[in-house]
């Protein structure tokens, strides 16, 4: 039986240069990859049937084959697959398939194909090898600069970045306490409220534009996938900012009131406004983000 450290060393030796591992690394899914029960008794030299592997991952054989089909060239790089559909998987193939299953809810088949460079016919259209460690000092410095820019954005207080244990990834959320404090400082007059929010939105967009300039310097070689993920986060930030402004404008139009109503119900109005804004963002974010990403990827 393999010990935990032995299993981790064995798995890492196989996947450390894999583009899917770059996404899984430093998330809860990485520990799942090292701690799967089958690793305790698997033989590296053996090949295993899809029914055996499906049992290890607690899914049906049909579901396992569904996720094998679009990624055959990636999964079976070093595995044995006979033409009569009697599929046999060795350890590298099993680990590649496991990473696909860990990321399927987050990236979907389409996102996984894009990350792996697979076209609609299942063919690899580019060769990607992304190392987990980079010895190039210049590249490391650029990554550090980008990290500092992201850290400064986090320090503005507008965003919280927390691990999502259910999906095994980092999730960016709006800091509601920060928004509440900002809203309380805004004038009760609706026009002034909109002007202040637009000013803050413009500043946030400027920060995103500065971030985009940093990203453009990293669009080379092995960091291309990292840049794509950060660009998608940049697009999402812009959409959240736009939706926030739209929601506040709608709220200010639909909730005009006299001086005495504002004076005696100011706290309740602010609470209703915050709920309205968060509900508006939640309602429209997914649709707007899908359209923006389709436009970005030229689909």
Protein backbone atom coordinates (compact mmCIF):
# COMPACT_ATOMS: atom_id res chain seq x y z
CA UNK A 1 0.00 0.00 0.00
CA UNK A 2 1.31 3.43 -0.93
CA UNK A 3 1.82 5.98 1.81
CA UNK A 4 0.38 9.50 1.35
CA UNK A 5 3.74 11.06 0.52
CA UNK A 6 4.55 8.26 -1.92
CA UNK A 7 1.19 8.69 -3.72
CA UNK A 8 1.65 12.46 -3.93
CA UNK A 9 5.17 12.10 -5.31
CA UNK A 10 4.00 9.54 -7.88
CA UNK A 11 1.05 11.66 -9.04
CA UNK A 12 3.06 14.88 -9.13
CA UNK A 13 5.76 13.24 -11.22
CA UNK A 14 3.15 12.45 -13.89
CA UNK A 15 0.97 15.61 -13.93
CA UNK A 16 3.29 18.47 -12.93
CA UNK A 17 3.66 19.69 -16.54
CA UNK A 18 0.00 19.14 -17.46
CA UNK A 19 -2.10 22.25 -18.38
CA UNK A 20 -5.07 20.96 -16.34
CA UNK A 21 -2.87 20.57 -13.28
CA UNK A 22 -1.97 24.27 -13.49
CA UNK A 23 -5.67 25.05 -12.96
CA UNK A 24 -6.11 22.48 -10.16
CA UNK A 25 -2.90 23.40 -8.35
CA UNK A 26 -3.34 25.21 -5.02
CA UNK A 27 -7.07 24.41 -4.88
CA UNK A 28 -8.92 21.74 -2.82
CA UNK A 29 -9.05 19.58 -5.96
CA UNK A 30 -5.25 19.16 -5.79
CA UNK A 31 -5.56 17.30 -2.48
CA UNK A 32 -8.34 15.12 -3.93
CA UNK A 33 -5.98 14.19 -6.77
CA UNK A 34 -3.35 13.00 -4.26
CA UNK A 35 -5.76 11.24 -1.86
CA UNK A 36 -8.03 9.16 -4.13
CA UNK A 37 -8.49 5.72 -2.61
CA UNK A 38 -7.49 3.78 -5.72
CA UNK A 39 -3.91 5.12 -5.46
CA UNK A 40 -3.32 2.88 -2.46
CA UNK A 41 -3.44 -0.30 -4.54
CA UNK A 42 -2.98 0.66 -8.18
CA UNK A 43 -0.09 -0.83 -10.14
CA UNK A 44 1.69 1.66 -12.42
CA UNK A 45 2.50 -1.02 -14.99
CA UNK A 46 -1.09 -2.28 -15.36
CA UNK A 47 -4.01 -1.14 -17.52
CA UNK A 48 -7.56 -0.97 -16.14
CA UNK A 49 -11.05 -1.18 -17.67
CA UNK A 50 -13.46 1.73 -17.73
CA UNK A 51 -15.82 -0.10 -15.36
CA UNK A 52 -13.04 -0.40 -12.77
CA UNK A 53 -12.08 3.27 -13.10
CA UNK A 54 -15.74 4.38 -13.00
CA UNK A 55 -16.15 2.48 -9.73
CA UNK A 56 -13.16 4.29 -8.23
CA UNK A 57 -14.64 7.67 -9.14
CA UNK A 58 -18.20 6.67 -8.09
CA UNK A 59 -19.78 7.34 -11.49
CA UNK A 60 -21.32 5.09 -14.13
CA UNK A 61 -19.31 3.51 -16.92
CA UNK A 62 -21.50 5.42 -19.41
CA UNK A 63 -20.68 8.74 -17.77
CA UNK A 64 -16.98 7.91 -17.75
CA UNK A 65 -17.03 7.12 -21.47
CA UNK A 66 -18.94 10.35 -22.12
CA UNK A 67 -16.00 12.35 -20.75
CA UNK A 68 -13.40 10.16 -22.49
CA UNK A 69 -14.84 10.67 -25.99
CA UNK A 70 -14.01 14.42 -26.55
CA UNK A 71 -10.53 14.10 -25.03
CA UNK A 72 -9.21 10.83 -26.48
CA UNK A 73 -6.02 12.32 -27.96
CA UNK A 74 -5.21 14.01 -24.65
CA UNK A 75 -6.11 11.09 -22.36
CA UNK A 76 -4.58 8.28 -24.42
CA UNK A 77 -1.24 9.91 -25.11
CA UNK A 78 0.51 6.99 -23.43
CA UNK A 79 -2.37 4.56 -22.85
CA UNK A 80 -3.64 1.49 -24.67
CA UNK A 81 -6.97 1.76 -26.55
CA UNK A 82 -8.04 -1.03 -28.88
CA UNK A 83 -10.22 -0.35 -31.93
CA UNK A 84 -13.10 -2.54 -30.65
CA UNK A 85 -13.93 0.01 -27.89
CA UNK A 86 -12.38 -2.25 -25.24
CA UNK A 87 -10.78 0.74 -23.55
CA UNK A 88 -7.91 0.14 -21.12
CA UNK A 89 -6.36 2.95 -19.10
CA UNK A 90 -2.97 3.15 -17.48
CA UNK A 91 -2.12 5.43 -14.55
CA UNK A 92 -1.24 8.58 -16.60
CA UNK A 93 -4.49 8.23 -18.54
CA UNK A 94 -6.47 7.73 -15.31
CA UNK A 95 -4.92 10.85 -13.78
CA UNK A 96 -5.72 12.94 -16.90
CA UNK A 97 -9.30 11.68 -16.81
CA UNK A 98 -9.52 12.40 -13.07
CA UNK A 99 -8.48 16.03 -13.63
CA UNK A 100 -11.14 16.37 -16.33
CA UNK A 101 -13.78 15.11 -13.88
CA UNK A 102 -12.57 17.48 -11.15
CA UNK A 103 -12.84 20.48 -13.52
CA UNK A 104 -15.94 19.51 -15.54
CA UNK A 105 -18.41 21.51 -13.43
CA UNK A 106 -16.22 24.62 -13.43
CA UNK A 107 -15.00 24.70 -17.04
CA UNK A 108 -17.47 22.42 -18.89
CA UNK A 109 -16.39 20.41 -21.94
CA UNK A 110 -16.02 23.54 -24.03
CA UNK A 111 -13.70 25.25 -21.56
CA UNK A 112 -11.61 22.11 -21.11
CA UNK A 113 -11.17 21.78 -24.88
CA UNK A 114 -10.08 25.39 -25.10
CA UNK A 115 -7.56 24.93 -22.32
CA UNK A 116 -6.14 21.76 -23.90
CA UNK A 117 -6.15 23.13 -27.47
CA UNK A 118 -8.64 20.61 -28.86
CA UNK A 119 -10.82 21.56 -31.86
CA UNK A 120 -14.46 20.56 -32.51
CA UNK A 121 -13.29 17.34 -34.18
CA UNK A 122 -11.36 16.25 -31.11
CA UNK A 123 -7.98 17.02 -32.67
CA UNK A 124 -5.15 18.71 -30.79
CA UNK A 125 -4.52 21.98 -32.61
CA UNK A 126 -1.57 23.06 -30.52
CA UNK A 127 0.96 21.59 -28.16
CA UNK A 128 0.88 22.98 -24.66
CA UNK A 129 3.38 22.17 -21.95
CA UNK A 130 3.13 24.37 -18.87
CA UNK A 131 5.68 23.80 -16.12
CA UNK A 132 4.68 24.39 -12.52
CA UNK A 133 8.00 26.03 -11.83
CA UNK A 134 9.69 28.63 -14.05
CA UNK A 135 13.39 29.24 -13.92
CA UNK A 136 13.37 32.26 -16.23
CA UNK A 137 14.01 35.29 -13.99
CA UNK A 138 12.42 37.76 -16.42
CA UNK A 139 9.21 35.76 -16.63
CA UNK A 140 9.12 35.30 -12.87
CA UNK A 141 9.47 39.05 -12.40
CA UNK A 142 6.55 39.71 -14.75
CA UNK A 143 4.38 37.24 -12.85
CA UNK A 144 5.35 38.97 -9.59
CA UNK A 145 4.34 42.34 -11.04
CA UNK A 146 0.98 40.98 -12.09
CA UNK A 147 0.50 39.44 -8.64
CA UNK A 148 1.19 42.82 -7.04
CA UNK A 149 -1.40 44.48 -9.29
CA UNK A 150 -4.03 41.90 -8.30
CA UNK A 151 -3.10 42.33 -4.64
CA UNK A 152 -3.63 46.08 -4.91
CA UNK A 153 -7.08 45.51 -6.40
CA UNK A 154 -7.95 43.20 -3.50
CA UNK A 155 -6.72 45.83 -1.04
CA UNK A 156 -9.25 48.35 -2.36
CA UNK A 157 -11.77 46.43 -0.26
CA UNK A 158 -14.29 45.95 -3.06
CA UNK A 159 -13.65 42.22 -3.56
CA UNK A 160 -13.33 39.12 -1.37
CA UNK A 161 -11.40 36.16 -2.78
CA UNK A 162 -12.31 32.95 -0.96
CA UNK A 163 -12.03 29.21 -1.73
CA UNK A 164 -15.22 27.60 -3.00
CA UNK A 165 -15.08 24.14 -1.41
CA UNK A 166 -18.01 22.85 -3.46
CA UNK A 167 -16.42 23.66 -6.84
CA UNK A 168 -12.77 23.41 -5.78
CA UNK A 169 -11.76 26.86 -7.00
CA UNK A 170 -11.26 30.43 -5.87
CA UNK A 171 -14.37 32.60 -6.00
CA UNK A 172 -14.47 36.39 -6.27
CA UNK A 173 -17.38 38.02 -4.44
CA UNK A 174 -18.44 41.58 -3.73
CA UNK A 175 -17.59 42.78 -0.21
CA UNK A 176 -21.08 43.65 1.01
CA UNK A 177 -19.84 45.47 4.13
CA UNK A 178 -17.68 47.69 1.93
CA UNK A 179 -20.62 48.45 -0.33
CA UNK A 180 -22.85 49.25 2.65
CA UNK A 181 -20.31 51.73 4.03
CA UNK A 182 -19.93 53.39 0.64
CA UNK A 183 -23.69 53.64 0.14
CA UNK A 184 -24.15 55.29 3.55
CA UNK A 185 -21.71 58.02 2.54
CA UNK A 186 -23.56 58.82 -0.68
CA UNK A 187 -26.02 61.77 -0.75
CA UNK A 188 -29.70 60.99 -0.37
CA UNK A 189 -30.38 62.80 -3.65
CA UNK A 190 -30.63 60.18 -6.40
CA UNK A 191 -28.71 62.20 -9.01
CA UNK A 192 -25.74 62.64 -6.69
CA UNK A 193 -25.86 58.94 -5.83
CA UNK A 194 -25.61 57.96 -9.49
CA UNK A 195 -22.77 60.43 -10.12
CA UNK A 196 -20.74 59.07 -7.21
CA UNK A 197 -21.30 55.46 -8.25
CA UNK A 198 -20.33 56.27 -11.84
CA UNK A 199 -17.14 57.89 -10.57
CA UNK A 200 -16.24 54.81 -8.55
CA UNK A 201 -17.08 52.59 -11.53
CA UNK A 202 -14.82 54.66 -13.79
CA UNK A 203 -11.97 54.27 -11.31
CA UNK A 204 -12.53 50.53 -11.17
CA UNK A 205 -12.54 50.32 -14.97
CA UNK A 206 -9.28 52.27 -15.05
CA UNK A 207 -7.75 49.75 -12.66
CA UNK A 208 -8.97 46.95 -14.93
CA UNK A 209 -7.44 48.69 -17.96
CA UNK A 210 -4.11 48.91 -16.12
CA UNK A 211 -4.42 45.22 -15.31
CA UNK A 212 -5.10 44.47 -18.98
CA UNK A 213 -1.89 46.29 -19.94
CA UNK A 214 0.04 44.08 -17.52
CA UNK A 215 -1.64 40.99 -18.98
CA UNK A 216 -0.62 41.92 -22.53
CA UNK A 217 3.04 41.71 -21.48
CA UNK A 218 2.51 38.10 -20.42
CA UNK A 219 0.92 36.84 -23.66
CA UNK A 220 3.76 34.55 -24.60
CA UNK A 221 4.71 30.87 -24.52
CA UNK A 222 3.74 28.82 -21.51
CA UNK A 223 1.78 31.52 -19.63
CA UNK A 224 -0.89 31.96 -22.33
CA UNK A 225 -3.48 29.92 -20.41
CA UNK A 226 -2.86 31.92 -17.23
CA UNK A 227 -3.43 35.14 -19.16
CA UNK A 228 -6.71 33.83 -20.58
CA UNK A 229 -8.07 33.07 -17.11
CA UNK A 230 -7.09 36.51 -15.83
CA UNK A 231 -8.69 38.16 -18.88
CA UNK A 232 -11.91 36.30 -18.13
CA UNK A 233 -11.77 37.60 -14.54
CA UNK A 234 -11.19 41.12 -15.93
CA UNK A 235 -14.28 40.79 -18.15
CA UNK A 236 -16.34 39.58 -15.20
CA UNK A 237 -15.23 42.55 -13.06
CA UNK A 238 -16.31 45.00 -15.77
CA UNK A 239 -19.73 43.35 -16.08
CA UNK A 240 -20.27 43.43 -12.30
CA UNK A 241 -19.39 47.13 -12.27
CA UNK A 242 -21.78 47.88 -15.15
CA UNK A 243 -24.62 45.89 -13.57
CA UNK A 244 -24.07 47.70 -10.27
CA UNK A 245 -24.44 51.08 -11.96
CA UNK A 246 -27.53 49.96 -13.88
CA UNK A 247 -29.17 48.62 -10.73
CA UNK A 248 -28.58 51.83 -8.79
CA UNK A 249 -29.96 53.92 -11.64
CA UNK A 250 -33.10 51.76 -11.83
CA UNK A 251 -33.53 51.89 -8.07
CA UNK A 252 -33.18 55.67 -7.99
CA UNK A 253 -35.85 55.99 -10.74
CA UNK A 254 -38.32 53.53 -9.20
CA UNK A 255 -37.92 54.75 -5.63
CA UNK A 256 -38.18 58.55 -5.84
CA UNK A 257 -39.64 59.90 -2.61
CA UNK A 258 -40.17 63.14 -0.77
CA UNK A 259 -37.87 64.64 1.80
CA UNK A 260 -39.74 63.34 4.88
CA UNK A 261 -39.99 59.80 3.54
CA UNK A 262 -36.24 59.77 2.89
CA UNK A 263 -35.55 61.28 6.31
CA UNK A 264 -37.57 58.78 8.36
CA UNK A 265 -36.92 55.70 6.21
CA UNK A 266 -33.31 56.29 5.17
CA UNK A 267 -31.94 53.14 6.80
CA UNK A 268 -34.67 50.95 5.32
CA UNK A 269 -34.26 52.53 1.89
CA UNK A 270 -30.51 51.85 1.95
CA UNK A 271 -31.19 48.23 2.90
CA UNK A 272 -33.77 47.85 0.11
CA UNK A 273 -31.35 49.43 -2.34
CA UNK A 274 -28.55 47.04 -1.40
CA UNK A 275 -30.86 44.03 -1.76
CA UNK A 276 -32.09 45.33 -5.12
CA UNK A 277 -28.52 45.80 -6.43
CA UNK A 278 -27.35 42.34 -5.33
CA UNK A 279 -30.48 40.72 -6.78
CA UNK A 280 -30.02 42.57 -10.09
CA UNK A 281 -26.37 41.48 -10.37
CA UNK A 282 -27.27 37.87 -9.52
CA UNK A 283 -30.09 37.86 -12.11
CA UNK A 284 -28.07 39.21 -15.04
CA UNK A 285 -24.42 38.29 -14.38
CA UNK A 286 -24.40 34.79 -15.89
CA UNK A 287 -26.15 35.86 -19.11
CA UNK A 288 -23.97 38.95 -19.60
CA UNK A 289 -20.80 37.01 -18.82
CA UNK A 290 -21.66 34.25 -21.32
CA UNK A 291 -22.24 36.81 -24.08
CA UNK A 292 -19.02 38.69 -23.24
CA UNK A 293 -16.91 35.52 -23.21
CA UNK A 294 -18.44 34.31 -26.50
CA UNK A 295 -17.56 37.66 -28.05
CA UNK A 296 -14.05 37.52 -26.60
CA UNK A 297 -13.37 34.03 -27.97
CA UNK A 298 -14.95 34.92 -31.32
CA UNK A 299 -17.75 32.39 -31.18
